[in-house]
All heavy atoms as atom14 arrays in JSON, in Angstrom:
{
  "sequence": "KLLNRPAPTITIDGDMHIQNFGTFRGPDGKAVWGMNDFDQSA",
  "atom14_mask": [
    [1, 1, 1, 1, 1, 1, 1, 1, 1, 0, 0, 0, 0, 0],
    [1, 1, 1, 1, 1, 1, 1, 1, 0, 0, 0, 0, 0, 0],
    [1, 1, 1, 1, 1, 1, 1, 1, 0, 0, 0, 0, 0, 0],
    [1, 1, 1, 1, 1, 1, 1, 1, 0, 0, 0, 0, 0, 0],
    [1, 1, 1, 1, 1, 1, 1, 1, 1, 1, 1, 0, 0, 0],
    [1, 1, 1, 1, 1, 1, 1, 0, 0, 0, 0, 0, 0, 0],
    [1, 1, 1, 1, 1, 0, 0, 0, 0, 0, 0, 0, 0, 0],
    [1, 1, 1, 1, 1, 1, 1, 0, 0, 0, 0, 0, 0, 0],
    [1, 1, 1, 1, 1, 1, 1, 0, 0, 0, 0, 0, 0, 0],
    [1, 1, 1, 1, 1, 1, 1, 1, 0, 0, 0, 0, 0, 0],
    [1, 1, 1, 1, 1, 1, 1, 0, 0, 0, 0, 0, 0, 0],
    [1, 1, 1, 1, 1, 1, 1, 1, 0, 0, 0, 0, 0, 0],
    [1, 1, 1, 1, 1, 1, 1, 1, 0, 0, 0, 0, 0, 0],
    [1, 1, 1, 1, 0, 0, 0, 0, 0, 0, 0, 0, 0, 0],
    [1, 1, 1, 1, 1, 1, 1, 1, 0, 0, 0, 0, 0, 0],
    [1, 1, 1, 1, 1, 1, 1, 1, 0, 0, 0, 0, 0, 0],
    [1, 1, 1, 1, 1, 1, 1, 1, 1, 1, 0, 0, 0, 0],
    [1, 1, 1, 1, 1, 1, 1, 1, 0, 0, 0, 0, 0, 0],
    [1, 1, 1, 1, 1, 1, 1, 1, 1, 0, 0, 0, 0, 0],
    [1, 1, 1, 1, 1, 1, 1, 1, 0, 0, 0, 0, 0, 0],
    [1, 1, 1, 1, 1, 1, 1, 1, 1, 1, 1, 0, 0, 0],
    [1, 1, 1, 1, 0, 0, 0, 0, 0, 0, 0, 0, 0, 0],
    [1, 1, 1, 1, 1, 1, 1, 0, 0, 0, 0, 0, 0, 0],
    [1, 1, 1, 1, 1, 1, 1, 1, 1, 1, 1, 0, 0, 0],
    [1, 1, 1, 1, 1, 1, 1, 1, 1, 1, 1, 0, 0, 0],
    [1, 1, 1, 1, 0, 0, 0, 0, 0, 0, 0, 0, 0, 0],
    [1, 1, 1, 1, 1, 1, 1, 0, 0, 0, 0, 0, 0, 0],
    [1, 1, 1, 1, 1, 1, 1, 1, 0, 0, 0, 0, 0, 0],
    [1, 1, 1, 1, 0, 0, 0, 0, 0, 0, 0, 0, 0, 0],
    [1, 1, 1, 1, 1, 1, 1, 1, 1, 0, 0, 0, 0, 0],
    [1, 1, 1, 1, 1, 0, 0, 0, 0, 0, 0, 0, 0, 0],
    [1, 1, 1, 1, 1, 1, 1, 0, 0, 0, 0, 0, 0, 0],
    [1, 1, 1, 1, 1, 1, 1, 1, 1, 1, 1, 1, 1, 1],
    [1, 1, 1, 1, 0, 0, 0, 0, 0, 0, 0, 0, 0, 0],
    [1, 1, 1, 1, 1, 1, 1, 1, 0, 0, 0, 0, 0, 0],
    [1, 1, 1, 1, 1, 1, 1, 1, 0, 0, 0, 0, 0, 0],
    [1, 1, 1, 1, 1, 1, 1, 1, 0, 0, 0, 0, 0, 0],
    [1, 1, 1, 1, 1, 1, 1, 1, 1, 1, 1, 0, 0, 0],
    [1, 1, 1, 1, 1, 1, 1, 1, 0, 0, 0, 0, 0, 0],
    [1, 1, 1, 1, 1, 1, 1, 1, 1, 0, 0, 0, 0, 0],
    [1, 1, 1, 1, 1, 1, 0, 0, 0, 0, 0, 0, 0, 0],
    [1, 1, 1, 1, 1, 0, 0, 0, 0, 0, 0, 0, 0, 0]
  ],
  "atom14_positions": [
    [[0.85, -1.18, 0.0], [0.0, 0.0, 0.0], [0.89, 1.23, 0.0], [1.58, 1.52, 0.98], [-0.93, 0.01, 1.22], [-1.89, -1.16, 1.29], [-2.86, -1.16, 0.12], [-3.86, -2.3, 0.22], [-4.74, -2.36, -0.97], [0.0, 0.0, 0.0], [0.0, 0.0, 0.0], [0.0, 0.0, 0.0], [0.0, 0.0, 0.0], [0.0, 0.0, 0.0]],
    [[0.86, 1.97, -1.09], [1.74, 3.14, -1.2], [1.21, 4.33, -0.43], [1.97, 5.25, -0.1], [1.94, 3.51, -2.67], [2.6, 2.41, -3.53], [2.82, 2.91, -4.95], [3.92, 1.95, -2.91], [0.0, 0.0, 0.0], [0.0, 0.0, 0.0], [0.0, 0.0, 0.0], [0.0, 0.0, 0.0], [0.0, 0.0, 0.0], [0.0, 0.0, 0.0]],
    [[-0.08, 4.34, -0.15], [-0.68, 5.36, 0.72], [-1.74, 4.68, 1.57], [-2.2, 3.59, 1.25], [-1.31, 6.49, -0.11], [-0.35, 7.48, -0.78], [-1.13, 8.44, -1.69], [0.47, 8.25, 0.23], [0.0, 0.0, 0.0], [0.0, 0.0, 0.0], [0.0, 0.0, 0.0], [0.0, 0.0, 0.0], [0.0, 0.0, 0.0], [0.0, 0.0, 0.0]],
    [[-2.16, 5.35, 2.62], [-3.16, 4.77, 3.51], [-4.58, 5.04, 3.04], [-5.53, 4.83, 3.8], [-2.96, 5.31, 4.93], [-1.65, 4.85, 5.53], [-1.18, 3.76, 5.21], [-1.04, 5.68, 6.36], [0.0, 0.0, 0.0], [0.0, 0.0, 0.0], [0.0, 0.0, 0.0], [0.0, 0.0, 0.0], [0.0, 0.0, 0.0], [0.0, 0.0, 0.0]],
    [[-4.72, 5.48, 1.8], [-6.03, 5.65, 1.2], [-6.04, 4.89, -0.12], [-5.0, 4.76, -0.78], [-6.35, 7.14, 0.97], [-5.27, 7.91, 0.24], [-5.63, 9.39, 0.14], [-4.59, 10.17, -0.51], [-3.6, 10.78, 0.13], [-3.52, 10.69, 1.45], [-2.7, 11.49, -0.53], [0.0, 0.0, 0.0], [0.0, 0.0, 0.0], [0.0, 0.0, 0.0]],
    [[-7.18, 4.36, -0.53], [-7.21, 3.52, -1.73], [-6.96, 4.31, -3.0], [-7.45, 5.44, -3.16], [-8.63, 2.92, -1.7], [-9.44, 3.91, -0.91], [-8.51, 4.45, 0.12], [0.0, 0.0, 0.0], [0.0, 0.0, 0.0], [0.0, 0.0, 0.0], [0.0, 0.0, 0.0], [0.0, 0.0, 0.0], [0.0, 0.0, 0.0], [0.0, 0.0, 0.0]],
    [[-6.22, 3.7, -3.9], [-5.99, 4.29, -5.21], [-7.21, 4.05, -6.11], [-7.99, 3.13, -5.87], [-4.74, 3.69, -5.84], [0.0, 0.0, 0.0], [0.0, 0.0, 0.0], [0.0, 0.0, 0.0], [0.0, 0.0, 0.0], [0.0, 0.0, 0.0], [0.0, 0.0, 0.0], [0.0, 0.0, 0.0], [0.0, 0.0, 0.0], [0.0, 0.0, 0.0]],
    [[-7.39, 4.86, -7.14], [-8.52, 4.62, -8.06], [-8.33, 3.3, -8.82], [-7.21, 2.85, -9.02], [-8.46, 5.81, -9.01], [-7.05, 6.31, -8.93], [-6.61, 6.05, -7.53], [0.0, 0.0, 0.0], [0.0, 0.0, 0.0], [0.0, 0.0, 0.0], [0.0, 0.0, 0.0], [0.0, 0.0, 0.0], [0.0, 0.0, 0.0], [0.0, 0.0, 0.0]],
    [[-9.43, 2.7, -9.21], [-9.39, 1.47, -9.99], [-9.45, 1.83, -11.47], [-10.39, 2.51, -11.91], [-10.56, 0.55, -9.63], [-10.44, 0.17, -8.25], [-10.56, -0.71, -10.49], [0.0, 0.0, 0.0], [0.0, 0.0, 0.0], [0.0, 0.0, 0.0], [0.0, 0.0, 0.0], [0.0, 0.0, 0.0], [0.0, 0.0, 0.0], [0.0, 0.0, 0.0]],
    [[-8.45, 1.38, -12.22], [-8.38, 1.64, -13.66], [-7.92, 0.36, -14.37], [-7.59, -0.63, -13.71], [-7.39, 2.79, -13.97], [-5.96, 2.39, -13.55], [-7.82, 4.08, -13.31], [-4.88, 3.36, -14.0], [0.0, 0.0, 0.0], [0.0, 0.0, 0.0], [0.0, 0.0, 0.0], [0.0, 0.0, 0.0], [0.0, 0.0, 0.0], [0.0, 0.0, 0.0]],
    [[-7.89, 0.38, -15.69], [-7.3, -0.72, -16.43], [-5.79, -0.61, -16.33], [-5.22, 0.45, -16.63], [-7.72, -0.7, -17.91], [-9.14, -0.82, -17.99], [-7.09, -1.86, -18.67], [0.0, 0.0, 0.0], [0.0, 0.0, 0.0], [0.0, 0.0, 0.0], [0.0, 0.0, 0.0], [0.0, 0.0, 0.0], [0.0, 0.0, 0.0], [0.0, 0.0, 0.0]],
    [[-5.13, -1.66, -15.88], [-3.67, -1.66, -15.74], [-3.07, -2.78, -16.58], [-3.77, -3.71, -16.98], [-3.22, -1.79, -14.26], [-3.63, -3.15, -13.68], [-3.78, -0.64, -13.43], [-3.04, -3.42, -12.31], [0.0, 0.0, 0.0], [0.0, 0.0, 0.0], [0.0, 0.0, 0.0], [0.0, 0.0, 0.0], [0.0, 0.0, 0.0], [0.0, 0.0, 0.0]],
    [[-1.77, -2.69, -16.81], [-1.09, -3.71, -17.61], [-1.05, -5.05, -16.87], [-1.21, -6.1, -17.48], [0.33, -3.25, -17.93], [1.1, -4.28, -18.74], [0.92, -4.31, -19.98], [1.87, -5.06, -18.15], [0.0, 0.0, 0.0], [0.0, 0.0, 0.0], [0.0, 0.0, 0.0], [0.0, 0.0, 0.0], [0.0, 0.0, 0.0], [0.0, 0.0, 0.0]],
    [[-0.77, -5.03, -15.58], [-0.79, -6.25, -14.78], [0.51, -7.01, -14.73], [0.83, -7.62, -13.71], [0.0, 0.0, 0.0], [0.0, 0.0, 0.0], [0.0, 0.0, 0.0], [0.0, 0.0, 0.0], [0.0, 0.0, 0.0], [0.0, 0.0, 0.0], [0.0, 0.0, 0.0], [0.0, 0.0, 0.0], [0.0, 0.0, 0.0], [0.0, 0.0, 0.0]],
    [[1.28, -6.96, -15.81], [2.58, -7.65, -15.86], [3.67, -6.63, -16.19], [4.53, -6.87, -17.03], [2.55, -8.78, -16.89], [3.79, -9.67, -16.81], [4.48, -9.64, -15.78], [4.07, -10.39, -17.79], [0.0, 0.0, 0.0], [0.0, 0.0, 0.0], [0.0, 0.0, 0.0], [0.0, 0.0, 0.0], [0.0, 0.0, 0.0], [0.0, 0.0, 0.0]],
    [[3.62, -5.52, -15.51], [4.53, -4.42, -15.81], [5.96, -4.74, -15.36], [6.19, -5.08, -14.2], [4.01, -3.16, -15.09], [4.89, -1.93, -15.22], [5.25, -1.46, -16.92], [3.64, -1.46, -17.68], [0.0, 0.0, 0.0], [0.0, 0.0, 0.0], [0.0, 0.0, 0.0], [0.0, 0.0, 0.0], [0.0, 0.0, 0.0], [0.0, 0.0, 0.0]],
    [[6.89, -4.66, -16.28], [8.32, -4.67, -15.96], [9.05, -4.15, -17.19], [8.46, -4.03, -18.28], [8.81, -6.07, -15.55], [8.55, -7.15, -16.55], [9.28, -7.28, -17.73], [7.64, -8.16, -16.57], [8.84, -8.33, -18.4], [7.84, -8.87, -17.73], [0.0, 0.0, 0.0], [0.0, 0.0, 0.0], [0.0, 0.0, 0.0], [0.0, 0.0, 0.0]],
    [[10.32, -3.84, -17.05], [11.02, -3.12, -18.1], [11.16, -3.93, -19.38], [11.25, -3.36, -20.47], [12.41, -2.63, -17.6], [12.97, -1.54, -18.52], [13.36, -3.8, -17.44], [12.12, -0.31, -18.63], [0.0, 0.0, 0.0], [0.0, 0.0, 0.0], [0.0, 0.0, 0.0], [0.0, 0.0, 0.0], [0.0, 0.0, 0.0], [0.0, 0.0, 0.0]],
    [[11.15, -5.27, -19.31], [11.27, -6.07, -20.52], [9.95, -6.2, -21.28], [9.92, -6.78, -22.36], [11.83, -7.46, -20.19], [13.28, -7.44, -19.75], [14.22, -6.82, -20.78], [14.92, -5.86, -20.49], [14.23, -7.34, -21.99], [0.0, 0.0, 0.0], [0.0, 0.0, 0.0], [0.0, 0.0, 0.0], [0.0, 0.0, 0.0], [0.0, 0.0, 0.0]],
    [[8.87, -5.66, -20.73], [7.61, -5.61, -21.46], [7.42, -4.26, -22.14], [6.28, -3.84, -22.41], [6.43, -5.93, -20.54], [6.12, -7.42, -20.53], [6.65, -8.18, -21.33], [5.28, -7.85, -19.6], [0.0, 0.0, 0.0], [0.0, 0.0, 0.0], [0.0, 0.0, 0.0], [0.0, 0.0, 0.0], [0.0, 0.0, 0.0], [0.0, 0.0, 0.0]],
    [[8.52, -3.57, -22.39], [8.54, -2.39, -23.24], [9.37, -2.72, -24.48], [10.33, -3.47, -24.4], [9.19, -1.2, -22.52], [8.35, -0.6, -21.43], [8.31, -1.18, -20.17], [7.61, 0.54, -21.66], [7.55, -0.63, -19.16], [6.83, 1.1, -20.65], [6.8, 0.52, -19.4], [0.0, 0.0, 0.0], [0.0, 0.0, 0.0], [0.0, 0.0, 0.0]],
    [[8.98, -2.15, -25.6], [9.73, -2.38, -26.81], [9.17, -1.58, -27.96], [8.21, -0.8, -27.79], [0.0, 0.0, 0.0], [0.0, 0.0, 0.0], [0.0, 0.0, 0.0], [0.0, 0.0, 0.0], [0.0, 0.0, 0.0], [0.0, 0.0, 0.0], [0.0, 0.0, 0.0], [0.0, 0.0, 0.0], [0.0, 0.0, 0.0], [0.0, 0.0, 0.0]],
    [[9.75, -1.76, -29.11], [9.27, -1.05, -30.29], [8.19, -1.85, -31.0], [8.16, -3.08, -30.94], [10.42, -0.77, -31.28], [11.09, -1.99, -31.59], [11.42, 0.22, -30.69], [0.0, 0.0, 0.0], [0.0, 0.0, 0.0], [0.0, 0.0, 0.0], [0.0, 0.0, 0.0], [0.0, 0.0, 0.0], [0.0, 0.0, 0.0], [0.0, 0.0, 0.0]],
    [[7.31, -1.13, -31.67], [6.26, -1.73, -32.49], [5.81, -0.67, -33.5], [6.22, 0.49, -33.43], [5.09, -2.21, -31.63], [4.52, -1.17, -30.7], [3.5, -0.31, -31.11], [5.02, -1.03, -29.41], [2.98, 0.65, -30.26], [4.51, -0.06, -28.54], [3.49, 0.78, -28.97], [0.0, 0.0, 0.0], [0.0, 0.0, 0.0], [0.0, 0.0, 0.0]],
    [[5.0, -1.07, -34.46], [4.52, -0.14, -35.47], [3.41, 0.73, -34.89], [2.4, 0.23, -34.39], [4.01, -0.9, -36.69], [3.7, 0.0, -37.89], [3.09, -0.77, -39.04], [3.88, -1.95, -39.32], [3.35, -3.16, -39.53], [2.05, -3.34, -39.46], [4.13, -4.19, -39.8], [0.0, 0.0, 0.0], [0.0, 0.0, 0.0], [0.0, 0.0, 0.0]],
    [[3.6, 2.04, -34.94], [2.63, 2.98, -34.4], [1.52, 3.32, -35.38], [1.48, 2.8, -36.5], [0.0, 0.0, 0.0], [0.0, 0.0, 0.0], [0.0, 0.0, 0.0], [0.0, 0.0, 0.0], [0.0, 0.0, 0.0], [0.0, 0.0, 0.0], [0.0, 0.0, 0.0], [0.0, 0.0, 0.0], [0.0, 0.0, 0.0], [0.0, 0.0, 0.0]],
    [[0.61, 4.2, -34.97], [-0.55, 4.54, -35.81], [-0.19, 5.1, -37.18], [-0.95, 4.93, -38.14], [-1.3, 5.58, -34.97], [-0.84, 5.35, -33.56], [0.57, 4.87, -33.67], [0.0, 0.0, 0.0], [0.0, 0.0, 0.0], [0.0, 0.0, 0.0], [0.0, 0.0, 0.0], [0.0, 0.0, 0.0], [0.0, 0.0, 0.0], [0.0, 0.0, 0.0]],
    [[0.96, 5.79, -37.28], [1.34, 6.38, -38.56], [2.22, 5.46, -39.4], [2.77, 5.86, -40.43], [2.05, 7.73, -38.35], [3.36, 7.6, -37.58], [3.69, 6.47, -37.15], [4.05, 8.62, -37.41], [0.0, 0.0, 0.0], [0.0, 0.0, 0.0], [0.0, 0.0, 0.0], [0.0, 0.0, 0.0], [0.0, 0.0, 0.0], [0.0, 0.0, 0.0]],
    [[2.37, 4.21, -38.95], [3.16, 3.24, -39.68], [4.64, 3.23, -39.36], [5.39, 2.42, -39.9], [0.0, 0.0, 0.0], [0.0, 0.0, 0.0], [0.0, 0.0, 0.0], [0.0, 0.0, 0.0], [0.0, 0.0, 0.0], [0.0, 0.0, 0.0], [0.0, 0.0, 0.0], [0.0, 0.0, 0.0], [0.0, 0.0, 0.0], [0.0, 0.0, 0.0]],
    [[5.06, 4.13, -38.47], [6.47, 4.2, -38.09], [6.69, 3.55, -36.72], [5.77, 3.45, -35.9], [6.92, 5.67, -38.05], [6.84, 6.37, -39.4], [7.27, 7.82, -39.29], [7.17, 8.53, -40.63], [7.56, 9.97, -40.52], [0.0, 0.0, 0.0], [0.0, 0.0, 0.0], [0.0, 0.0, 0.0], [0.0, 0.0, 0.0], [0.0, 0.0, 0.0]],
    [[7.92, 3.14, -36.47], [8.23, 2.49, -35.2], [8.12, 3.46, -34.03], [8.54, 4.63, -34.12], [9.64, 1.9, -35.24], [0.0, 0.0, 0.0], [0.0, 0.0, 0.0], [0.0, 0.0, 0.0], [0.0, 0.0, 0.0], [0.0, 0.0, 0.0], [0.0, 0.0, 0.0], [0.0, 0.0, 0.0], [0.0, 0.0, 0.0], [0.0, 0.0, 0.0]],
    [[7.54, 2.99, -32.94], [7.45, 3.74, -31.68], [7.86, 2.8, -30.56], [8.02, 1.59, -30.76], [6.03, 4.3, -31.44], [5.65, 5.32, -32.5], [5.0, 3.16, -31.41], [0.0, 0.0, 0.0], [0.0, 0.0, 0.0], [0.0, 0.0, 0.0], [0.0, 0.0, 0.0], [0.0, 0.0, 0.0], [0.0, 0.0, 0.0], [0.0, 0.0, 0.0]],
    [[8.02, 3.34, -29.35], [8.44, 2.53, -28.2], [7.42, 2.69, -27.07], [7.03, 3.82, -26.73], [9.82, 2.98, -27.72], [10.42, 2.17, -26.62], [11.12, 1.01, -26.72], [10.4, 2.48, -25.21], [11.54, 0.57, -25.49], [11.12, 1.45, -24.53], [9.87, 3.52, -24.46], [11.31, 1.44, -23.15], [10.04, 3.51, -23.06], [10.75, 2.48, -22.43]],
    [[7.01, 1.56, -26.5], [6.06, 1.62, -25.39], [5.79, 0.23, -24.85], [6.53, -0.72, -25.1], [0.0, 0.0, 0.0], [0.0, 0.0, 0.0], [0.0, 0.0, 0.0], [0.0, 0.0, 0.0], [0.0, 0.0, 0.0], [0.0, 0.0, 0.0], [0.0, 0.0, 0.0], [0.0, 0.0, 0.0], [0.0, 0.0, 0.0], [0.0, 0.0, 0.0]],
    [[4.71, 0.09, -24.09], [4.3, -1.2, -23.56], [3.86, -2.1, -24.71], [3.1, -1.67, -25.57], [3.15, -1.01, -22.56], [3.55, -0.23, -21.33], [2.16, 0.63, -20.51], [0.98, -0.67, -20.35], [0.0, 0.0, 0.0], [0.0, 0.0, 0.0], [0.0, 0.0, 0.0], [0.0, 0.0, 0.0], [0.0, 0.0, 0.0], [0.0, 0.0, 0.0]],
    [[4.35, -3.34, -24.72], [4.04, -4.21, -25.86], [3.49, -5.57, -25.46], [3.46, -6.49, -26.27], [5.27, -4.38, -26.74], [6.43, -5.06, -26.02], [6.31, -5.48, -24.87], [7.57, -5.17, -26.7], [0.0, 0.0, 0.0], [0.0, 0.0, 0.0], [0.0, 0.0, 0.0], [0.0, 0.0, 0.0], [0.0, 0.0, 0.0], [0.0, 0.0, 0.0]],
    [[3.06, -5.71, -24.2], [2.48, -6.98, -23.74], [1.35, -6.67, -22.78], [1.58, -6.07, -21.72], [3.55, -7.84, -23.07], [3.08, -9.27, -22.83], [1.9, -9.45, -22.49], [3.88, -10.21, -22.97], [0.0, 0.0, 0.0], [0.0, 0.0, 0.0], [0.0, 0.0, 0.0], [0.0, 0.0, 0.0], [0.0, 0.0, 0.0], [0.0, 0.0, 0.0]],
    [[0.13, -7.09, -23.15], [-1.05, -6.75, -22.36], [-1.81, -8.0, -21.92], [-2.98, -7.92, -21.53], [-1.97, -5.84, -23.18], [-1.3, -4.58, -23.66], [-0.62, -4.55, -24.86], [-1.34, -3.42, -22.9], [0.01, -3.39, -25.31], [-0.72, -2.26, -23.33], [-0.04, -2.23, -24.53], [0.0, 0.0, 0.0], [0.0, 0.0, 0.0], [0.0, 0.0, 0.0]],
    [[-1.14, -9.15, -21.97], [-1.81, -10.42, -21.71], [-2.42, -10.5, -20.31], [-3.41, -11.21, -20.1], [-0.84, -11.59, -21.87], [-0.4, -11.79, -23.31], [-0.76, -10.95, -24.16], [0.31, -12.77, -23.59], [0.0, 0.0, 0.0], [0.0, 0.0, 0.0], [0.0, 0.0, 0.0], [0.0, 0.0, 0.0], [0.0, 0.0, 0.0], [0.0, 0.0, 0.0]],
    [[-1.8, -9.83, -19.32], [-2.26, -9.95, -17.93], [-3.1, -8.74, -17.49], [-3.38, -8.57, -16.32], [-1.05, -10.05, -17.0], [-0.05, -11.13, -17.41], [-0.59, -12.52, -17.19], [-1.01, -12.89, -16.11], [-0.6, -13.33, -18.25], [0.0, 0.0, 0.0], [0.0, 0.0, 0.0], [0.0, 0.0, 0.0], [0.0, 0.0, 0.0], [0.0, 0.0, 0.0]],
    [[-3.5, -7.92, -18.45], [-4.2, -6.67, -18.12], [-5.6, -6.92, -17.58], [-6.27, -7.9, -17.93], [-4.27, -5.78, -19.36], [-4.92, -6.46, -20.43], [0.0, 0.0, 0.0], [0.0, 0.0, 0.0], [0.0, 0.0, 0.0], [0.0, 0.0, 0.0], [0.0, 0.0, 0.0], [0.0, 0.0, 0.0], [0.0, 0.0, 0.0], [0.0, 0.0, 0.0]],
    [[-6.03, -6.02, -16.7], [-7.36, -6.09, -16.1], [-7.55, -4.82, -15.27], [-6.66, -3.97, -15.18], [-7.51, -7.33, -15.22], [0.0, 0.0, 0.0], [0.0, 0.0, 0.0], [0.0, 0.0, 0.0], [0.0, 0.0, 0.0], [0.0, 0.0, 0.0], [0.0, 0.0, 0.0], [0.0, 0.0, 0.0], [0.0, 0.0, 0.0], [0.0, 0.0, 0.0]]
  ]
}
């Protein structure tokens, strides 16, 4: 618990770590870098 009050509930990645970042094709067709694995999201 990072604070003694509850955090908001949102959609999270769930399996966040630095190796789940990488390059992929972005909306304009060019390579971008970001989160690339969402299998454990909820």
